[in-house]
Amino acid sequence: MFGCFRAAYAPLGDVVLAGQMWQHERLMGVEGYLDFAVEFAGATFGGGLYRVHDDASGVRVLKLISEAFPEYVARVCPFGYDWLGRQFAVDSGRSSRPAGPPRP
């Protein structure tokens, strides 16, 4: 499923030991996340430019988000971060449907 991603960004699994898959309920509902996390939890990509959260780092960052942005804690969940510490997260408060008229 992630062949193109894997070919472009080979994980550096030996640089940092990865933990277990980050299994937050908001992430588990995202299509494709389970397959991605099983393979890449804690992996580092692009020579250290990007890393996927594992069960330890995900919990730690979600706590930081809840302290810094309490208004978002009920709707966001981080799954990765970059070398500058910027967090990538799913936001259950956003719709995945394109804008337009309501569907019947």
PDB file of N, CA and C in Angstrom:
ATOM      1  N   MET A   1       0.810  -1.192   0.000  1.00  0.00           N
ATOM      2  CA  MET A   1       0.000   0.000   0.000  1.00  0.00           C
ATOM      3  C   MET A   1       0.862   1.269   0.000  1.00  0.00           C
ATOM      4  N   PHE A   2       2.011   1.243   0.633  1.00  0.00           N
ATOM      5  CA  PHE A   2       2.871   2.421   0.741  1.00  0.00           C
ATOM      6  C   PHE A   2       4.163   2.236  -0.040  1.00  0.00           C
ATOM      7  N   GLY A   3       4.108   1.517  -1.139  1.00  0.00           N
ATOM      8  CA  GLY A   3       5.288   1.239  -1.944  1.00  0.00           C
ATOM      9  C   GLY A   3       5.979   2.493  -2.454  1.00  0.00           C
ATOM     10  N   CYS A   4       5.214   3.447  -2.974  1.00  0.00           N
ATOM     11  CA  CYS A   4       5.803   4.693  -3.491  1.00  0.00           C
ATOM     12  C   CYS A   4       6.448   5.494  -2.365  1.00  0.00           C
ATOM     13  N   PHE A   5       5.761   5.577  -1.233  1.00  0.00           N
ATOM     14  CA  PHE A   5       6.321   6.291  -0.080  1.00  0.00           C
ATOM     15  C   PHE A   5       7.612   5.619   0.382  1.00  0.00           C
ATOM     16  N   ARG A   6       7.577   4.310   0.494  1.00  0.00           N
ATOM     17  CA  ARG A   6       8.744   3.547   0.958  1.00  0.00           C
ATOM     18  C   ARG A   6       9.915   3.715  -0.002  1.00  0.00           C
ATOM     19  N   ALA A   7       9.642   3.730  -1.303  1.00  0.00           N
ATOM     20  CA  ALA A   7      10.706   3.874  -2.300  1.00  0.00           C
ATOM     21  C   ALA A   7      11.334   5.273  -2.252  1.00  0.00           C
ATOM     22  N   ALA A   8      10.515   6.284  -2.004  1.00  0.00           N
ATOM     23  CA  ALA A   8      11.021   7.654  -1.985  1.00  0.00           C
ATOM     24  C   ALA A   8      11.686   8.013  -0.657  1.00  0.00           C
ATOM     25  N   TYR A   9      11.185   7.453   0.426  1.00  0.00           N
ATOM     26  CA  TYR A   9      11.670   7.801   1.766  1.00  0.00           C
ATOM     27  C   TYR A   9      11.950   6.541   2.565  1.00  0.00           C
ATOM     28  N   ALA A  10      13.089   5.949   2.319  1.00  0.00           N
ATOM     29  CA  ALA A  10      13.452   4.736   3.050  1.00  0.00           C
ATOM     30  C   ALA A  10      13.590   5.050   4.533  1.00  0.00           C
ATOM     31  N   PRO A  11      12.925   4.276   5.401  1.00  0.00           N
ATOM     32  CA  PRO A  11      13.020   4.553   6.838  1.00  0.00           C
ATOM     33  C   PRO A  11      14.399   4.247   7.401  1.00  0.00           C
ATOM     34  N   LEU A  12      14.806   5.023   8.390  1.00  0.00           N
ATOM     35  CA  LEU A  12      16.063   4.804   9.096  1.00  0.00           C
ATOM     36  C   LEU A  12      15.735   4.170  10.441  1.00  0.00           C
ATOM     37  N   GLY A  13      15.320   2.923  10.447  1.00  0.00           N
ATOM     38  CA  GLY A  13      14.893   2.255  11.664  1.00  0.00           C
ATOM     39  C   GLY A  13      16.003   2.012  12.652  1.00  0.00           C
ATOM     40  N   ASP A  14      17.242   2.017  12.206  1.00  0.00           N
ATOM     41  CA  ASP A  14      18.346   1.717  13.113  1.00  0.00           C
ATOM     42  C   ASP A  14      18.903   2.954  13.818  1.00  0.00           C
ATOM     43  N   VAL A  15      18.460   4.153  13.440  1.00  0.00           N
ATOM     44  CA  VAL A  15      18.967   5.374  14.038  1.00  0.00           C
ATOM     45  C   VAL A  15      18.391   5.570  15.437  1.00  0.00           C
ATOM     46  N   VAL A  16      17.104   5.391  15.563  1.00  0.00           N
ATOM     47  CA  VAL A  16      16.416   5.525  16.846  1.00  0.00           C
ATOM     48  C   VAL A  16      15.523   4.313  17.011  1.00  0.00           C
ATOM     49  N   LEU A  17      15.599   3.665  18.139  1.00  0.00           N
ATOM     50  CA  LEU A  17      14.751   2.503  18.369  1.00  0.00           C
ATOM     51  C   LEU A  17      13.299   2.938  18.474  1.00  0.00           C
ATOM     52  N   ALA A  18      12.448   2.301  17.691  1.00  0.00           N
ATOM     53  CA  ALA A  18      11.034   2.638  17.692  1.00  0.00           C
ATOM     54  C   ALA A  18      10.303   1.877  18.782  1.00  0.00           C
ATOM     55  N   GLY A  19       9.263   2.503  19.278  1.00  0.00           N
ATOM     56  CA  GLY A  19       8.399   1.842  20.250  1.00  0.00           C
ATOM     57  C   GLY A  19       7.288   1.105  19.532  1.00  0.00           C
ATOM     58  N   GLN A  20       6.215   0.919  20.238  1.00  0.00           N
ATOM     59  CA  GLN A  20       5.043   0.279  19.664  1.00  0.00           C
ATOM     60  C   GLN A  20       4.213   1.304  18.900  1.00  0.00           C
ATOM     61  N   MET A  21       3.281   0.805  18.120  1.00  0.00           N
ATOM     62  CA  MET A  21       2.407   1.660  17.331  1.00  0.00           C
ATOM     63  C   MET A  21       1.574   2.570  18.235  1.00  0.00           C
ATOM     64  N   TRP A  22       1.433   3.827  17.862  1.00  0.00           N
ATOM     65  CA  TRP A  22       0.614   4.821  18.556  1.00  0.00           C
ATOM     66  C   TRP A  22      -0.829   4.535  18.175  1.00  0.00           C
ATOM     67  N   GLN A  23      -1.634   4.084  19.146  1.00  0.00           N
ATOM     68  CA  GLN A  23      -2.990   3.606  18.873  1.00  0.00           C
ATOM     69  C   GLN A  23      -4.064   4.477  19.515  1.00  0.00           C
ATOM     70  N   HIS A  24      -4.087   5.733  19.212  1.00  0.00           N
ATOM     71  CA  HIS A  24      -5.136   6.610  19.729  1.00  0.00           C
ATOM     72  C   HIS A  24      -6.400   6.395  18.899  1.00  0.00           C
ATOM     73  N   GLU A  25      -7.559   6.481  19.546  1.00  0.00           N
ATOM     74  CA  GLU A  25      -8.832   6.216  18.863  1.00  0.00           C
ATOM     75  C   GLU A  25      -9.063   7.124  17.652  1.00  0.00           C
ATOM     76  N   ARG A  26      -8.611   8.383  17.705  1.00  0.00           N
ATOM     77  CA  ARG A  26      -8.790   9.285  16.565  1.00  0.00           C
ATOM     78  C   ARG A  26      -7.949   8.854  15.376  1.00  0.00           C
ATOM     79  N   LEU A  27      -6.798   8.261  15.637  1.00  0.00           N
ATOM     80  CA  LEU A  27      -5.947   7.785  14.545  1.00  0.00           C
ATOM     81  C   LEU A  27      -6.468   6.471  13.972  1.00  0.00           C
ATOM     82  N   MET A  28      -6.957   5.613  14.829  1.00  0.00           N
ATOM     83  CA  MET A  28      -7.413   4.298  14.381  1.00  0.00           C
ATOM     84  C   MET A  28      -8.592   4.406  13.421  1.00  0.00           C
ATOM     85  N   GLY A  29      -9.326   5.513  13.463  1.00  0.00           N
ATOM     86  CA  GLY A  29     -10.453   5.717  12.560  1.00  0.00           C
ATOM     87  C   GLY A  29     -10.062   6.281  11.203  1.00  0.00           C
ATOM     88  N   VAL A  30      -8.798   6.606  11.011  1.00  0.00           N
ATOM     89  CA  VAL A  30      -8.334   7.176   9.740  1.00  0.00           C
ATOM     90  C   VAL A  30      -7.968   6.042   8.783  1.00  0.00           C
ATOM     91  N   GLU A  31      -8.566   6.070   7.611  1.00  0.00           N
ATOM     92  CA  GLU A  31      -8.311   5.025   6.627  1.00  0.00           C
ATOM     93  C   GLU A  31      -6.824   4.941   6.283  1.00  0.00           C
ATOM     94  N   GLY A  32      -6.246   3.772   6.388  1.00  0.00           N
ATOM     95  CA  GLY A  32      -4.854   3.542   6.047  1.00  0.00           C
ATOM     96  C   GLY A  32      -3.878   3.726   7.196  1.00  0.00           C
ATOM     97  N   TYR A  33      -4.328   4.355   8.295  1.00  0.00           N
ATOM     98  CA  TYR A  33      -3.394   4.615   9.396  1.00  0.00           C
ATOM     99  C   TYR A  33      -2.853   3.331  10.004  1.00  0.00           C
ATOM    100  N   LEU A  34      -3.697   2.368  10.236  1.00  0.00           N
ATOM    101  CA  LEU A  34      -3.255   1.127  10.883  1.00  0.00           C
ATOM    102  C   LEU A  34      -2.126   0.469  10.096  1.00  0.00           C
ATOM    103  N   ASP A  35      -2.299   0.338   8.794  1.00  0.00           N
ATOM    104  CA  ASP A  35      -1.246  -0.253   7.954  1.00  0.00           C
ATOM    105  C   ASP A  35       0.032   0.576   8.008  1.00  0.00           C
ATOM    106  N   PHE A  36      -0.114   1.899   7.947  1.00  0.00           N
ATOM    107  CA  PHE A  36       1.032   2.795   7.991  1.00  0.00           C
ATOM    108  C   PHE A  36       1.771   2.661   9.319  1.00  0.00           C
ATOM    109  N   ALA A  37       1.033   2.709  10.428  1.00  0.00           N
ATOM    110  CA  ALA A  37       1.644   2.672  11.757  1.00  0.00           C
ATOM    111  C   ALA A  37       2.293   1.328  12.068  1.00  0.00           C
ATOM    112  N   VAL A  38       1.689   0.252  11.607  1.00  0.00           N
ATOM    113  CA  VAL A  38       2.281  -1.068  11.842  1.00  0.00           C
ATOM    114  C   VAL A  38       3.676  -1.126  11.237  1.00  0.00           C
ATOM    115  N   GLU A  39       3.820  -0.547  10.063  1.00  0.00           N
ATOM    116  CA  GLU A  39       5.108  -0.596   9.369  1.00  0.00           C
ATOM    117  C   GLU A  39       6.078   0.504   9.803  1.00  0.00           C
ATOM    118  N   PHE A  40       5.567   1.689  10.120  1.00  0.00           N
ATOM    119  CA  PHE A  40       6.453   2.843  10.279  1.00  0.00           C
ATOM    120  C   PHE A  40       6.469   3.497  11.659  1.00  0.00           C
ATOM    121  N   ALA A  41       5.804   2.955  12.661  1.00  0.00           N
ATOM    122  CA  ALA A  41       5.787   3.586  13.988  1.00  0.00           C
ATOM    123  C   ALA A  41       7.210   3.813  14.487  1.00  0.00           C
ATOM    124  N   GLY A  42       7.522   5.053  14.812  1.00  0.00           N
ATOM    125  CA  GLY A  42       8.840   5.413  15.320  1.00  0.00           C
ATOM    126  C   GLY A  42       9.915   5.543  14.268  1.00  0.00           C
ATOM    127  N   ALA A  43       9.604   5.271  13.005  1.00  0.00           N
ATOM    128  CA  ALA A  43      10.612   5.344  11.945  1.00  0.00           C
ATOM    129  C   ALA A  43      10.946   6.791  11.603  1.00  0.00           C
ATOM    130  N   THR A  44      12.180   7.001  11.159  1.00  0.00           N
ATOM    131  CA  THR A  44      12.675   8.300  10.735  1.00  0.00           C
ATOM    132  C   THR A  44      12.898   8.259   9.230  1.00  0.00           C
ATOM    133  N   PHE A  45      12.553   9.343   8.547  1.00  0.00           N
ATOM    134  CA  PHE A  45      12.649   9.403   7.083  1.00  0.00           C
ATOM    135  C   PHE A  45      13.438  10.621   6.636  1.00  0.00           C
ATOM    136  N   GLY A  46      13.913  10.559   5.399  1.00  0.00           N
ATOM    137  CA  GLY A  46      14.587  11.698   4.792  1.00  0.00           C
ATOM    138  C   GLY A  46      15.810  12.165   5.552  1.00  0.00           C
ATOM    139  N   GLY A  47      16.600  11.221   6.062  1.00  0.00           N
ATOM    140  CA  GLY A  47      17.811  11.597   6.774  1.00  0.00           C
ATOM    141  C   GLY A  47      17.536  12.334   8.077  1.00  0.00           C
ATOM    142  N   GLY A  48      16.371  12.107   8.662  1.00  0.00           N
ATOM    143  CA  GLY A  48      16.022  12.750   9.924  1.00  0.00           C
ATOM    144  C   GLY A  48      15.055  13.910   9.784  1.00  0.00           C
ATOM    145  N   LEU A  49      14.550  14.141   8.576  1.00  0.00           N
ATOM    146  CA  LEU A  49      13.640  15.267   8.363  1.00  0.00           C
ATOM    147  C   LEU A  49      12.255  15.030   8.940  1.00  0.00           C
ATOM    148  N   TYR A  50      11.813  13.771   8.970  1.00  0.00           N
ATOM    149  CA  TYR A  50      10.449  13.452   9.388  1.00  0.00           C
ATOM    150  C   TYR A  50      10.451  12.176  10.210  1.00  0.00           C
ATOM    151  N   ARG A  51       9.612  12.137  11.229  1.00  0.00           N
ATOM    152  CA  ARG A  51       9.503  10.942  12.050  1.00  0.00           C
ATOM    153  C   ARG A  51       8.049  10.680  12.397  1.00  0.00           C
ATOM    154  N   VAL A  52       7.689   9.415  12.449  1.00  0.00           N
ATOM    155  CA  VAL A  52       6.336   8.994  12.800  1.00  0.00           C
ATOM    156  C   VAL A  52       6.309   8.720  14.307  1.00  0.00           C
ATOM    157  N   HIS A  53       5.260   9.191  14.979  1.00  0.00           N
ATOM    158  CA  HIS A  53       5.136   8.955  16.415  1.00  0.00           C
ATOM    159  C   HIS A  53       4.956   7.473  16.721  1.00  0.00           C
ATOM    160  N   ASP A  54       5.499   7.067  17.853  1.00  0.00           N
ATOM    161  CA  ASP A  54       5.221   5.739  18.390  1.00  0.00           C
ATOM    162  C   ASP A  54       4.401   5.925  19.660  1.00  0.00           C
ATOM    163  N   ASP A  55       4.178   4.852  20.407  1.00  0.00           N
ATOM    164  CA  ASP A  55       3.310   4.944  21.588  1.00  0.00           C
ATOM    165  C   ASP A  55       3.870   5.859  22.677  1.00  0.00           C
ATOM    166  N   ALA A  56       5.159   6.037  22.755  1.00  0.00           N
ATOM    167  CA  ALA A  56       5.746   6.919  23.775  1.00  0.00           C
ATOM    168  C   ALA A  56       5.700   8.383  23.336  1.00  0.00           C
ATOM    169  N   SER A  57       6.174   8.679  22.139  1.00  0.00           N
ATOM    170  CA  SER A  57       6.227  10.074  21.697  1.00  0.00           C
ATOM    171  C   SER A  57       4.832  10.628  21.425  1.00  0.00           C
ATOM    172  N   GLY A  58       3.921   9.819  20.926  1.00  0.00           N
ATOM    173  CA  GLY A  58       2.559  10.277  20.664  1.00  0.00           C
ATOM    174  C   GLY A  58       1.855  10.726  21.934  1.00  0.00           C
ATOM    175  N   VAL A  59       1.953   9.935  22.980  1.00  0.00           N
ATOM    176  CA  VAL A  59       1.347  10.282  24.268  1.00  0.00           C
ATOM    177  C   VAL A  59       1.957  11.571  24.815  1.00  0.00           C
ATOM    178  N   ARG A  60       3.270  11.671  24.747  1.00  0.00           N
ATOM    179  CA  ARG A  60       3.984  12.844  25.269  1.00  0.00           C
ATOM    180  C   ARG A  60       3.548  14.125  24.545  1.00  0.00           C
ATOM    181  N   VAL A  61       3.452  14.056  23.225  1.00  0.00           N
ATOM    182  CA  VAL A  61       3.106  15.250  22.450  1.00  0.00           C
ATOM    183  C   VAL A  61       1.630  15.603  22.614  1.00  0.00           C
ATOM    184  N   LEU A  62       0.766  14.610  22.712  1.00  0.00           N
ATOM    185  CA  LEU A  62      -0.647  14.912  22.934  1.00  0.00           C
ATOM    186  C   LEU A  62      -0.831  15.650  24.262  1.00  0.00           C
ATOM    187  N   LYS A  63      -0.054  15.297  25.262  1.00  0.00           N
ATOM    188  CA  LYS A  63      -0.096  16.003  26.550  1.00  0.00           C
ATOM    189  C   LYS A  63       0.358  17.454  26.370  1.00  0.00           C
ATOM    190  N   LEU A  64       1.431  17.669  25.605  1.00  0.00           N
ATOM    191  CA  LEU A  64       1.902  19.035  25.341  1.00  0.00           C
ATOM    192  C   LEU A  64       0.847  19.849  24.587  1.00  0.00           C
ATOM    193  N   ILE A  65       0.205  19.228  23.616  1.00  0.00           N
ATOM    194  CA  ILE A  65      -0.849  19.916  22.862  1.00  0.00           C
ATOM    195  C   ILE A  65      -1.989  20.304  23.794  1.00  0.00           C
ATOM    196  N   SER A  66      -2.371  19.390  24.697  1.00  0.00           N
ATOM    197  CA  SER A  66      -3.484  19.686  25.615  1.00  0.00           C
ATOM    198  C   SER A  66      -3.148  20.849  26.546  1.00  0.00           C
ATOM    199  N   GLU A  67      -1.883  20.993  26.908  1.00  0.00           N
ATOM    200  CA  GLU A  67      -1.469  22.100  27.774  1.00  0.00           C
ATOM    201  C   GLU A  67      -1.375  23.420  27.006  1.00  0.00           C
ATOM    202  N   ALA A  68      -0.871  23.366  25.792  1.00  0.00           N
ATOM    203  CA  ALA A  68      -0.671  24.584  25.005  1.00  0.00           C
ATOM    204  C   ALA A  68      -1.936  25.027  24.266  1.00  0.00           C
ATOM    205  N   PHE A  69      -2.732  24.076  23.819  1.00  0.00           N
ATOM    206  CA  PHE A  69      -3.920  24.373  23.021  1.00  0.00           C
ATOM    207  C   PHE A  69      -5.119  23.571  23.536  1.00  0.00           C
ATOM    208  N   PRO A  70      -5.597  23.855  24.736  1.00  0.00           N
ATOM    209  CA  PRO A  70      -6.669  23.050  25.323  1.00  0.00           C
ATOM    210  C   PRO A  70      -7.946  23.021  24.484  1.00  0.00           C
ATOM    211  N   GLU A  71      -8.166  24.048  23.678  1.00  0.00           N
ATOM    212  CA  GLU A  71      -9.371  24.091  22.853  1.00  0.00           C
ATOM    213  C   GLU A  71      -9.335  23.056  21.720  1.00  0.00           C
ATOM    214  N   TYR A  72      -8.167  22.495  21.417  1.00  0.00           N
ATOM    215  CA  TYR A  72      -8.043  21.511  20.337  1.00  0.00           C
ATOM    216  C   TYR A  72      -7.867  20.069  20.812  1.00  0.00           C
ATOM    217  N   VAL A  73      -7.661  19.871  22.087  1.00  0.00           N
ATOM    218  CA  VAL A  73      -7.303  18.534  22.571  1.00  0.00           C
ATOM    219  C   VAL A  73      -8.384  17.488  22.301  1.00  0.00           C
ATOM    220  N   ALA A  74      -9.630  17.890  22.226  1.00  0.00           N
ATOM    221  CA  ALA A  74     -10.707  16.929  21.983  1.00  0.00           C
ATOM    222  C   ALA A  74     -10.849  16.564  20.512  1.00  0.00           C
ATOM    223  N   ARG A  75     -10.087  17.238  19.637  1.00  0.00           N
ATOM    224  CA  ARG A  75     -10.274  16.954  18.213  1.00  0.00           C
ATOM    225  C   ARG A  75      -9.005  16.633  17.433  1.00  0.00           C
ATOM    226  N   VAL A  76      -7.822  16.941  17.943  1.00  0.00           N
ATOM    227  CA  VAL A  76      -6.599  16.646  17.198  1.00  0.00           C
ATOM    228  C   VAL A  76      -5.840  15.483  17.820  1.00  0.00           C
ATOM    229  N   CYS A  77      -5.044  14.838  16.984  1.00  0.00           N
ATOM    230  CA  CYS A  77      -4.185  13.757  17.468  1.00  0.00           C
ATOM    231  C   CYS A  77      -2.950  13.698  16.565  1.00  0.00           C
ATOM    232  N   PRO A  78      -1.763  13.890  17.129  1.00  0.00           N
ATOM    233  CA  PRO A  78      -0.538  13.913  16.330  1.00  0.00           C
ATOM    234  C   PRO A  78      -0.134  12.512  15.868  1.00  0.00           C
ATOM    235  N   PHE A  79       0.425  12.429  14.666  1.00  0.00           N
ATOM    236  CA  PHE A  79       0.923  11.149  14.164  1.00  0.00           C
ATOM    237  C   PHE A  79       2.376  11.230  13.713  1.00  0.00           C
ATOM    238  N   GLY A  80       2.917  12.440  13.550  1.00  0.00           N
ATOM    239  CA  GLY A  80       4.308  12.584  13.121  1.00  0.00           C
ATOM    240  C   GLY A  80       4.807  13.987  13.371  1.00  0.00           C
ATOM    241  N   TYR A  81       6.110  14.176  13.140  1.00  0.00           N
ATOM    242  CA  TYR A  81       6.711  15.493  13.330  1.00  0.00           C
ATOM    243  C   TYR A  81       7.960  15.625  12.472  1.00  0.00           C
ATOM    244  N   ASP A  82       8.363  16.883  12.245  1.00  0.00           N
ATOM    245  CA  ASP A  82       9.550  17.116  11.430  1.00  0.00           C
ATOM    246  C   ASP A  82      10.720  17.564  12.297  1.00  0.00           C
ATOM    247  N   TRP A  83      11.838  17.841  11.660  1.00  0.00           N
ATOM    248  CA  TRP A  83      13.082  18.147  12.359  1.00  0.00           C
ATOM    249  C   TRP A  83      13.022  19.462  13.129  1.00  0.00           C
ATOM    250  N   LEU A  84      12.038  20.317  12.818  1.00  0.00           N
ATOM    251  CA  LEU A  84      11.863  21.561  13.551  1.00  0.00           C
ATOM    252  C   LEU A  84      10.879  21.412  14.714  1.00  0.00           C
ATOM    253  N   GLY A  85      10.331  20.209  14.876  1.00  0.00           N
ATOM    254  CA  GLY A  85       9.378  19.970  15.953  1.00  0.00           C
ATOM    255  C   GLY A  85       7.939  20.258  15.580  1.00  0.00           C
ATOM    256  N   ARG A  86       7.712  20.607  14.310  1.00  0.00           N
ATOM    257  CA  ARG A  86       6.340  20.852  13.875  1.00  0.00           C
ATOM    258  C   ARG A  86       5.582  19.528  13.866  1.00  0.00           C
ATOM    259  N   GLN A  87       4.372  19.560  14.415  1.00  0.00           N
ATOM    260  CA  GLN A  87       3.568  18.357  14.549  1.00  0.00           C
ATOM    261  C   GLN A  87       2.602  18.213  13.383  1.00  0.00           C
ATOM    262  N   PHE A  88       2.433  16.979  12.933  1.00  0.00           N
ATOM    263  CA  PHE A  88       1.441  16.632  11.923  1.00  0.00           C
ATOM    264  C   PHE A  88       0.366  15.843  12.655  1.00  0.00           C
ATOM    265  N   ALA A  89      -0.887  16.257  12.475  1.00  0.00           N
ATOM    266  CA  ALA A  89      -1.969  15.657  13.252  1.00  0.00           C
ATOM    267  C   ALA A  89      -3.229  15.510  12.412  1.00  0.00           C
ATOM    268  N   VAL A  90      -4.081  14.584  12.823  1.00  0.00           N
ATOM    269  CA  VAL A  90      -5.424  14.515  12.247  1.00  0.00           C
ATOM    270  C   VAL A  90      -6.300  15.439  13.077  1.00  0.00           C
ATOM    271  N   ASP A  91      -7.302  15.996  12.433  1.00  0.00           N
ATOM    272  CA  ASP A  91      -8.220  16.914  13.092  1.00  0.00           C
ATOM    273  C   ASP A  91      -9.637  16.414  12.841  1.00  0.00           C
ATOM    274  N   SER A  92     -10.238  15.810  13.855  1.00  0.00           N
ATOM    275  CA  SER A  92     -11.574  15.251  13.692  1.00  0.00           C
ATOM    276  C   SER A  92     -12.633  16.342  13.582  1.00  0.00           C
ATOM    277  N   GLY A  93     -12.255  17.588  13.807  1.00  0.00           N
ATOM    278  CA  GLY A  93     -13.179  18.705  13.657  1.00  0.00           C
ATOM    279  C   GLY A  93     -13.314  19.172  12.223  1.00  0.00           C
ATOM    280  N   ARG A  94     -12.518  18.624  11.342  1.00  0.00           N
ATOM    281  CA  ARG A  94     -12.585  18.987   9.923  1.00  0.00           C
ATOM    282  C   ARG A  94     -13.244  17.865   9.145  1.00  0.00           C
ATOM    283  N   SER A  95     -13.948  18.227   8.136  1.00  0.00           N
ATOM    284  CA  SER A  95     -14.612  17.246   7.287  1.00  0.00           C
ATOM    285  C   SER A  95     -13.657  16.801   6.192  1.00  0.00           C
ATOM    286  N   SER A  96     -13.708  15.544   5.841  1.00  0.00           N
ATOM    287  CA  SER A  96     -12.863  15.043   4.754  1.00  0.00           C
ATOM    288  C   SER A  96     -13.559  15.197   3.406  1.00  0.00           C
ATOM    289  N   ARG A  97     -14.827  15.599   3.432  1.00  0.00           N
ATOM    290  CA  ARG A  97     -15.551  15.790   2.186  1.00  0.00           C
ATOM    291  C   ARG A  97     -15.193  17.124   1.571  1.00  0.00           C
ATOM    292  N   PRO A  98     -15.152  17.186   0.235  1.00  0.00           N
ATOM    293  CA  PRO A  98     -14.919  18.486  -0.407  1.00  0.00           C
ATOM    294  C   PRO A  98     -16.109  19.417  -0.167  1.00  0.00           C
ATOM    295  N   ALA A  99     -15.852  20.724  -0.186  1.00  0.00           N
ATOM    296  CA  ALA A  99     -16.916  21.684  -0.013  1.00  0.00           C
ATOM    297  C   ALA A  99     -17.905  21.567  -1.155  1.00  0.00           C
ATOM    298  N   GLY A 100     -19.134  21.853  -0.883  1.00  0.00           N
ATOM    299  CA  GLY A 100     -20.164  21.785  -1.896  1.00  0.00           C
ATOM    300  C   GLY A 100     -21.507  21.525  -1.265  1.00  0.00           C
ATOM    301  N   PRO A 101     -22.528  21.306  -2.085  1.00  0.00           N
ATOM    302  CA  PRO A 101     -23.850  21.075  -1.529  1.00  0.00           C
ATOM    303  C   PRO A 101     -23.901  19.792  -0.718  1.00  0.00           C
ATOM    304  N   PRO A 102     -24.800  19.731   0.260  1.00  0.00           N
ATOM    305  CA  PRO A 102     -24.911  18.521   1.068  1.00  0.00           C
ATOM    306  C   PRO A 102     -25.258  17.305   0.221  1.00  0.00           C
ATOM    307  N   ARG A 103     -24.736  16.182   0.628  1.00  0.00           N
ATOM    308  CA  ARG A 103     -25.043  14.938  -0.082  1.00  0.00           C
ATOM    309  C   ARG A 103     -26.425  14.427   0.344  1.00  0.00           C
ATOM    310  N   PRO A 104     -27.152  13.819  -0.587  1.00  0.00           N
ATOM    311  CA  PRO A 104     -28.483  13.294  -0.223  1.00  0.00           C
ATOM    312  C   PRO A 104     -28.374  12.104   0.701  1.00  0.00           C
TER     313      PRO A 104
END
